[in-house]
Amino acid sequence: MGFNLIGGFTRQQIIVGRMIGSSLKSALQSRASGTGAFGYAVSGMSFDYTHPGATNIKVGGQPLNLGVYYTVASQAYVMQTLMNTAPGTVITAEMTGATREAIFDYVQTQGTVYPPAVGRVRRM
């Protein structure tokens, strides 16, 4: 597998945390308030964004519930950014492998990997 195909920071550790819906919305709003592309890849959720906000946020196809805790996972540097914009996020696990090992393991167990669904993050 060519690791250069998945971009930089592939030696970053994967971090898993819990974040309340209101903090998740705040983190998305904060990221959407910049200019240019949104910059985060997401799985299991979708939303629309304009500058300066994120709307129509759904997790698992259901509207985001501001009072419910959600599990989030990302590379360490992304989780640090999330934690800075969403205080109260709790780290629940630190994976022993890095991004490239996690991707390799996923591809190996799946056999065939299909491209992600389009339209998860839509700029309006």
N, C-alpha and C. Protein backbone atom coordinates (compact mmCIF):
# COMPACT_ATOMS: atom_id res chain seq x y z
N MET A 1 0.86 -1.18 0.00
CA MET A 1 0.00 0.00 0.00
C MET A 1 0.90 1.24 0.00
N GLY A 2 0.57 2.22 -0.79
CA GLY A 2 1.35 3.45 -0.82
C GLY A 2 0.84 4.43 0.21
N PHE A 3 1.58 4.61 1.29
CA PHE A 3 1.11 5.50 2.35
C PHE A 3 1.08 6.95 1.90
N ASN A 4 1.82 7.29 0.84
CA ASN A 4 1.76 8.66 0.37
C ASN A 4 0.39 8.99 -0.22
N LEU A 5 -0.43 8.00 -0.50
CA LEU A 5 -1.77 8.24 -1.03
C LEU A 5 -2.73 8.78 0.02
N ILE A 6 -2.43 8.60 1.30
CA ILE A 6 -3.36 9.02 2.35
C ILE A 6 -2.91 10.30 3.04
N GLY A 7 -1.93 10.97 2.50
CA GLY A 7 -1.53 12.26 3.04
C GLY A 7 -0.55 12.15 4.19
N GLY A 8 -0.24 13.30 4.75
CA GLY A 8 0.74 13.39 5.83
C GLY A 8 0.18 12.95 7.17
N PHE A 9 1.02 13.02 8.16
CA PHE A 9 0.66 12.72 9.54
C PHE A 9 0.17 11.29 9.73
N THR A 10 0.62 10.36 8.91
CA THR A 10 0.16 8.98 9.05
C THR A 10 0.81 8.27 10.24
N ARG A 11 1.78 8.88 10.88
CA ARG A 11 2.37 8.30 12.09
C ARG A 11 1.65 8.80 13.34
N GLN A 12 0.61 9.60 13.17
CA GLN A 12 -0.16 10.10 14.29
C GLN A 12 -0.96 8.97 14.94
N GLN A 13 -1.02 9.01 16.24
CA GLN A 13 -1.80 8.05 17.00
C GLN A 13 -3.29 8.38 16.87
N ILE A 14 -4.13 7.36 16.89
CA ILE A 14 -5.58 7.54 16.86
C ILE A 14 -6.07 7.70 18.30
N ILE A 15 -6.88 8.72 18.53
CA ILE A 15 -7.43 9.02 19.85
C ILE A 15 -8.95 8.89 19.77
N VAL A 16 -9.54 8.28 20.78
CA VAL A 16 -11.00 8.14 20.87
C VAL A 16 -11.47 8.95 22.06
N GLY A 17 -12.55 9.68 21.88
CA GLY A 17 -13.08 10.49 22.98
C GLY A 17 -14.59 10.53 22.97
N ARG A 18 -15.14 11.18 24.00
CA ARG A 18 -16.58 11.41 24.10
C ARG A 18 -16.81 12.90 24.13
N MET A 19 -17.78 13.33 23.33
CA MET A 19 -18.07 14.76 23.22
C MET A 19 -19.59 14.94 23.21
N ILE A 20 -20.06 15.88 24.03
CA ILE A 20 -21.49 16.15 24.05
C ILE A 20 -21.89 16.86 22.75
N GLY A 21 -23.12 16.64 22.30
CA GLY A 21 -23.59 17.18 21.03
C GLY A 21 -23.40 18.68 20.90
N SER A 22 -23.66 19.44 21.98
CA SER A 22 -23.49 20.90 21.90
C SER A 22 -22.04 21.27 21.65
N SER A 23 -21.10 20.52 22.21
CA SER A 23 -19.67 20.79 21.97
C SER A 23 -19.27 20.38 20.56
N LEU A 24 -19.84 19.29 20.07
CA LEU A 24 -19.56 18.86 18.71
C LEU A 24 -20.04 19.93 17.73
N LYS A 25 -21.23 20.47 17.98
CA LYS A 25 -21.76 21.54 17.12
C LYS A 25 -20.85 22.76 17.20
N SER A 26 -20.41 23.13 18.39
CA SER A 26 -19.50 24.28 18.55
C SER A 26 -18.20 24.08 17.79
N ALA A 27 -17.66 22.86 17.84
CA ALA A 27 -16.41 22.57 17.14
C ALA A 27 -16.61 22.69 15.63
N LEU A 28 -17.73 22.19 15.12
CA LEU A 28 -18.02 22.32 13.70
C LEU A 28 -18.22 23.78 13.32
N GLN A 29 -18.93 24.53 14.16
CA GLN A 29 -19.16 25.95 13.90
C GLN A 29 -17.84 26.71 13.87
N SER A 30 -16.97 26.38 14.80
CA SER A 30 -15.67 27.05 14.86
C SER A 30 -14.86 26.78 13.60
N ARG A 31 -14.85 25.53 13.16
CA ARG A 31 -14.09 25.16 11.96
C ARG A 31 -14.71 25.78 10.71
N ALA A 32 -16.03 25.89 10.66
CA ALA A 32 -16.71 26.43 9.49
C ALA A 32 -16.61 27.95 9.41
N SER A 33 -16.15 28.59 10.48
CA SER A 33 -16.09 30.05 10.48
C SER A 33 -14.88 30.59 9.72
N GLY A 34 -13.95 29.71 9.34
CA GLY A 34 -12.79 30.14 8.57
C GLY A 34 -13.15 30.34 7.11
N THR A 35 -12.15 30.53 6.30
CA THR A 35 -12.39 30.68 4.87
C THR A 35 -11.86 29.45 4.15
N GLY A 36 -12.36 29.20 2.95
CA GLY A 36 -11.88 28.07 2.16
C GLY A 36 -12.60 26.79 2.51
N ALA A 37 -11.96 25.67 2.18
CA ALA A 37 -12.55 24.35 2.40
C ALA A 37 -12.68 24.06 3.88
N PHE A 38 -13.62 23.19 4.23
CA PHE A 38 -13.87 22.86 5.64
C PHE A 38 -12.68 22.18 6.29
N GLY A 39 -12.10 21.20 5.63
CA GLY A 39 -10.86 20.60 6.11
C GLY A 39 -10.96 19.35 6.95
N TYR A 40 -12.11 19.03 7.52
CA TYR A 40 -12.25 17.79 8.29
C TYR A 40 -12.96 16.76 7.43
N ALA A 41 -12.47 15.55 7.47
CA ALA A 41 -13.20 14.44 6.86
C ALA A 41 -14.01 13.81 7.97
N VAL A 42 -15.24 13.41 7.68
CA VAL A 42 -16.10 12.83 8.70
C VAL A 42 -16.66 11.51 8.22
N SER A 43 -17.04 10.69 9.16
CA SER A 43 -17.69 9.43 8.87
C SER A 43 -18.80 9.26 9.90
N GLY A 44 -19.94 8.78 9.46
CA GLY A 44 -21.05 8.57 10.38
C GLY A 44 -21.86 9.81 10.65
N MET A 45 -21.50 10.91 10.03
CA MET A 45 -22.27 12.14 10.20
C MET A 45 -22.27 12.92 8.90
N SER A 46 -23.15 13.89 8.82
CA SER A 46 -23.20 14.77 7.66
C SER A 46 -23.65 16.15 8.14
N PHE A 47 -23.32 17.17 7.36
CA PHE A 47 -23.76 18.52 7.67
C PHE A 47 -23.49 19.42 6.47
N ASP A 48 -24.14 20.57 6.51
CA ASP A 48 -23.92 21.61 5.52
C ASP A 48 -23.14 22.72 6.22
N TYR A 49 -22.33 23.44 5.46
CA TYR A 49 -21.66 24.58 6.08
C TYR A 49 -21.55 25.75 5.12
N THR A 50 -21.60 26.90 5.73
CA THR A 50 -21.32 28.15 5.05
C THR A 50 -20.40 28.91 5.99
N HIS A 51 -19.86 29.96 5.56
CA HIS A 51 -19.08 30.78 6.48
C HIS A 51 -20.04 31.82 7.00
N PRO A 52 -20.46 31.80 8.23
CA PRO A 52 -19.76 31.23 9.37
C PRO A 52 -20.50 30.15 10.14
N GLY A 53 -21.02 29.13 9.58
CA GLY A 53 -21.68 28.15 10.42
C GLY A 53 -21.93 26.81 9.78
N ALA A 54 -22.31 25.85 10.63
CA ALA A 54 -22.67 24.49 10.20
C ALA A 54 -24.13 24.28 10.53
N THR A 55 -24.87 23.70 9.58
CA THR A 55 -26.30 23.47 9.76
C THR A 55 -26.64 22.05 9.32
N ASN A 56 -27.87 21.65 9.59
CA ASN A 56 -28.37 20.35 9.15
C ASN A 56 -27.43 19.22 9.59
N ILE A 57 -26.95 19.29 10.81
CA ILE A 57 -25.99 18.32 11.33
C ILE A 57 -26.73 17.03 11.70
N LYS A 58 -26.27 15.92 11.13
CA LYS A 58 -26.88 14.62 11.42
C LYS A 58 -25.79 13.63 11.79
N VAL A 59 -26.11 12.78 12.76
CA VAL A 59 -25.22 11.70 13.17
C VAL A 59 -26.00 10.41 12.99
N GLY A 60 -25.44 9.50 12.21
CA GLY A 60 -26.13 8.25 11.92
C GLY A 60 -27.48 8.49 11.25
N GLY A 61 -27.59 9.56 10.48
CA GLY A 61 -28.83 9.87 9.78
C GLY A 61 -29.87 10.60 10.62
N GLN A 62 -29.59 10.79 11.92
CA GLN A 62 -30.52 11.45 12.83
C GLN A 62 -30.00 12.84 13.18
N PRO A 63 -30.90 13.81 13.41
CA PRO A 63 -30.44 15.14 13.80
C PRO A 63 -29.56 15.10 15.05
N LEU A 64 -28.53 15.91 15.07
CA LEU A 64 -27.64 16.01 16.22
C LEU A 64 -28.45 16.38 17.46
N ASN A 65 -28.26 15.64 18.55
CA ASN A 65 -28.90 15.92 19.82
C ASN A 65 -27.88 16.63 20.69
N LEU A 66 -28.14 17.88 21.03
CA LEU A 66 -27.17 18.70 21.77
C LEU A 66 -26.87 18.16 23.16
N GLY A 67 -27.76 17.35 23.73
CA GLY A 67 -27.56 16.84 25.09
C GLY A 67 -27.03 15.42 25.17
N VAL A 68 -26.73 14.80 24.04
CA VAL A 68 -26.26 13.42 24.01
C VAL A 68 -24.76 13.39 23.79
N TYR A 69 -24.09 12.42 24.42
CA TYR A 69 -22.65 12.25 24.20
C TYR A 69 -22.41 11.35 23.00
N TYR A 70 -21.45 11.75 22.16
CA TYR A 70 -21.09 10.99 20.97
C TYR A 70 -19.64 10.55 21.07
N THR A 71 -19.33 9.42 20.48
CA THR A 71 -17.96 8.94 20.40
C THR A 71 -17.33 9.55 19.17
N VAL A 72 -16.15 10.12 19.35
CA VAL A 72 -15.39 10.70 18.24
C VAL A 72 -14.01 10.06 18.23
N ALA A 73 -13.47 9.88 17.05
CA ALA A 73 -12.12 9.32 16.92
C ALA A 73 -11.40 10.10 15.84
N SER A 74 -10.14 10.37 16.07
CA SER A 74 -9.35 11.09 15.07
C SER A 74 -7.87 10.96 15.38
N GLN A 75 -7.09 11.53 14.49
CA GLN A 75 -5.66 11.59 14.75
C GLN A 75 -5.42 12.55 15.91
N ALA A 76 -4.32 12.36 16.60
CA ALA A 76 -4.03 13.13 17.81
C ALA A 76 -4.07 14.63 17.57
N TYR A 77 -3.50 15.10 16.47
CA TYR A 77 -3.46 16.55 16.25
C TYR A 77 -4.85 17.12 15.99
N VAL A 78 -5.75 16.33 15.37
CA VAL A 78 -7.12 16.80 15.15
C VAL A 78 -7.88 16.79 16.47
N MET A 79 -7.69 15.75 17.28
CA MET A 79 -8.36 15.68 18.58
C MET A 79 -7.93 16.84 19.47
N GLN A 80 -6.68 17.22 19.40
CA GLN A 80 -6.21 18.35 20.20
C GLN A 80 -6.95 19.63 19.79
N THR A 81 -7.12 19.82 18.49
CA THR A 81 -7.87 20.98 18.00
C THR A 81 -9.32 20.92 18.48
N LEU A 82 -9.93 19.74 18.38
CA LEU A 82 -11.31 19.58 18.86
C LEU A 82 -11.43 19.91 20.33
N MET A 83 -10.48 19.43 21.12
CA MET A 83 -10.52 19.67 22.56
C MET A 83 -10.33 21.14 22.89
N ASN A 84 -9.57 21.86 22.07
CA ASN A 84 -9.38 23.29 22.30
C ASN A 84 -10.65 24.07 21.99
N THR A 85 -11.44 23.62 21.02
CA THR A 85 -12.67 24.33 20.67
C THR A 85 -13.89 23.78 21.39
N ALA A 86 -13.76 22.62 22.01
CA ALA A 86 -14.88 21.99 22.70
C ALA A 86 -14.44 21.46 24.06
N PRO A 87 -14.26 22.36 25.03
CA PRO A 87 -13.88 21.91 26.37
C PRO A 87 -14.90 20.90 26.91
N GLY A 88 -14.43 19.98 27.69
CA GLY A 88 -15.30 18.95 28.24
C GLY A 88 -15.20 17.64 27.49
N THR A 89 -14.49 17.64 26.36
CA THR A 89 -14.28 16.39 25.63
C THR A 89 -13.38 15.51 26.48
N VAL A 90 -13.74 14.25 26.62
CA VAL A 90 -13.01 13.32 27.46
C VAL A 90 -12.37 12.25 26.59
N ILE A 91 -11.07 12.03 26.78
CA ILE A 91 -10.37 10.97 26.05
C ILE A 91 -10.73 9.65 26.71
N THR A 92 -11.19 8.69 25.89
CA THR A 92 -11.57 7.39 26.44
C THR A 92 -10.61 6.28 26.04
N ALA A 93 -9.82 6.50 24.98
CA ALA A 93 -8.86 5.48 24.55
C ALA A 93 -7.80 6.10 23.65
N GLU A 94 -6.62 5.56 23.73
CA GLU A 94 -5.54 5.92 22.83
C GLU A 94 -5.10 4.63 22.15
N MET A 95 -5.30 4.57 20.86
CA MET A 95 -4.97 3.36 20.12
C MET A 95 -3.45 3.19 20.07
N THR A 96 -2.99 1.97 20.09
CA THR A 96 -1.55 1.73 20.11
C THR A 96 -0.91 1.94 18.75
N GLY A 97 -1.65 1.73 17.69
CA GLY A 97 -1.10 1.92 16.35
C GLY A 97 -1.32 3.34 15.85
N ALA A 98 -0.66 3.65 14.76
CA ALA A 98 -0.82 4.95 14.13
C ALA A 98 -1.81 4.83 12.98
N THR A 99 -2.10 5.95 12.36
CA THR A 99 -3.07 6.01 11.28
C THR A 99 -2.78 4.99 10.19
N ARG A 100 -1.54 4.91 9.75
CA ARG A 100 -1.23 3.99 8.64
C ARG A 100 -1.50 2.54 9.01
N GLU A 101 -1.22 2.15 10.25
CA GLU A 101 -1.50 0.78 10.67
C GLU A 101 -3.01 0.52 10.74
N ALA A 102 -3.75 1.52 11.22
CA ALA A 102 -5.20 1.38 11.31
C ALA A 102 -5.81 1.23 9.92
N ILE A 103 -5.33 2.00 8.96
CA ILE A 103 -5.83 1.89 7.59
C ILE A 103 -5.46 0.54 7.00
N PHE A 104 -4.24 0.12 7.21
CA PHE A 104 -3.80 -1.19 6.69
C PHE A 104 -4.66 -2.30 7.27
N ASP A 105 -4.88 -2.28 8.59
CA ASP A 105 -5.69 -3.31 9.24
C ASP A 105 -7.12 -3.30 8.70
N TYR A 106 -7.68 -2.12 8.50
CA TYR A 106 -9.05 -2.01 7.99
C TYR A 106 -9.15 -2.60 6.60
N VAL A 107 -8.24 -2.23 5.72
CA VAL A 107 -8.25 -2.75 4.35
C VAL A 107 -8.08 -4.27 4.37
N GLN A 108 -7.19 -4.75 5.21
CA GLN A 108 -6.94 -6.19 5.29
C GLN A 108 -8.18 -6.95 5.76
N THR A 109 -8.92 -6.42 6.72
CA THR A 109 -10.10 -7.12 7.22
C THR A 109 -11.30 -6.99 6.29
N GLN A 110 -11.39 -5.88 5.56
CA GLN A 110 -12.52 -5.65 4.66
C GLN A 110 -12.38 -6.37 3.33
N GLY A 111 -11.15 -6.54 2.88
CA GLY A 111 -10.92 -7.15 1.58
C GLY A 111 -11.08 -6.14 0.46
N THR A 112 -12.26 -5.59 0.31
CA THR A 112 -12.52 -4.56 -0.68
C THR A 112 -13.00 -3.32 0.04
N VAL A 113 -12.41 -2.20 -0.28
CA VAL A 113 -12.80 -0.94 0.34
C VAL A 113 -13.35 -0.03 -0.75
N TYR A 114 -14.53 0.49 -0.51
CA TYR A 114 -15.20 1.35 -1.48
C TYR A 114 -15.03 2.82 -1.08
N PRO A 115 -15.12 3.73 -2.04
CA PRO A 115 -15.00 5.15 -1.70
C PRO A 115 -16.13 5.57 -0.77
N PRO A 116 -15.88 6.56 0.08
CA PRO A 116 -16.93 7.01 0.99
C PRO A 116 -18.07 7.68 0.23
N ALA A 117 -19.21 7.72 0.88
CA ALA A 117 -20.37 8.38 0.30
C ALA A 117 -20.08 9.86 0.10
N VAL A 118 -20.51 10.39 -1.01
CA VAL A 118 -20.32 11.81 -1.25
C VAL A 118 -21.44 12.58 -0.58
N GLY A 119 -21.20 13.84 -0.33
CA GLY A 119 -22.23 14.70 0.24
C GLY A 119 -22.29 14.70 1.75
N ARG A 120 -21.30 14.13 2.43
CA ARG A 120 -21.33 14.14 3.90
C ARG A 120 -21.08 15.54 4.43
N VAL A 121 -20.21 16.30 3.76
CA VAL A 121 -19.92 17.68 4.11
C VAL A 121 -20.19 18.51 2.87
N ARG A 122 -21.22 19.35 2.96
CA ARG A 122 -21.60 20.13 1.78
C ARG A 122 -21.44 21.62 2.05
N ARG A 123 -20.69 22.29 1.17
CA ARG A 123 -20.56 23.74 1.25
C ARG A 123 -21.75 24.36 0.56
N MET A 124 -22.44 25.22 1.26
CA MET A 124 -23.65 25.85 0.71
C MET A 124 -23.34 27.23 0.18
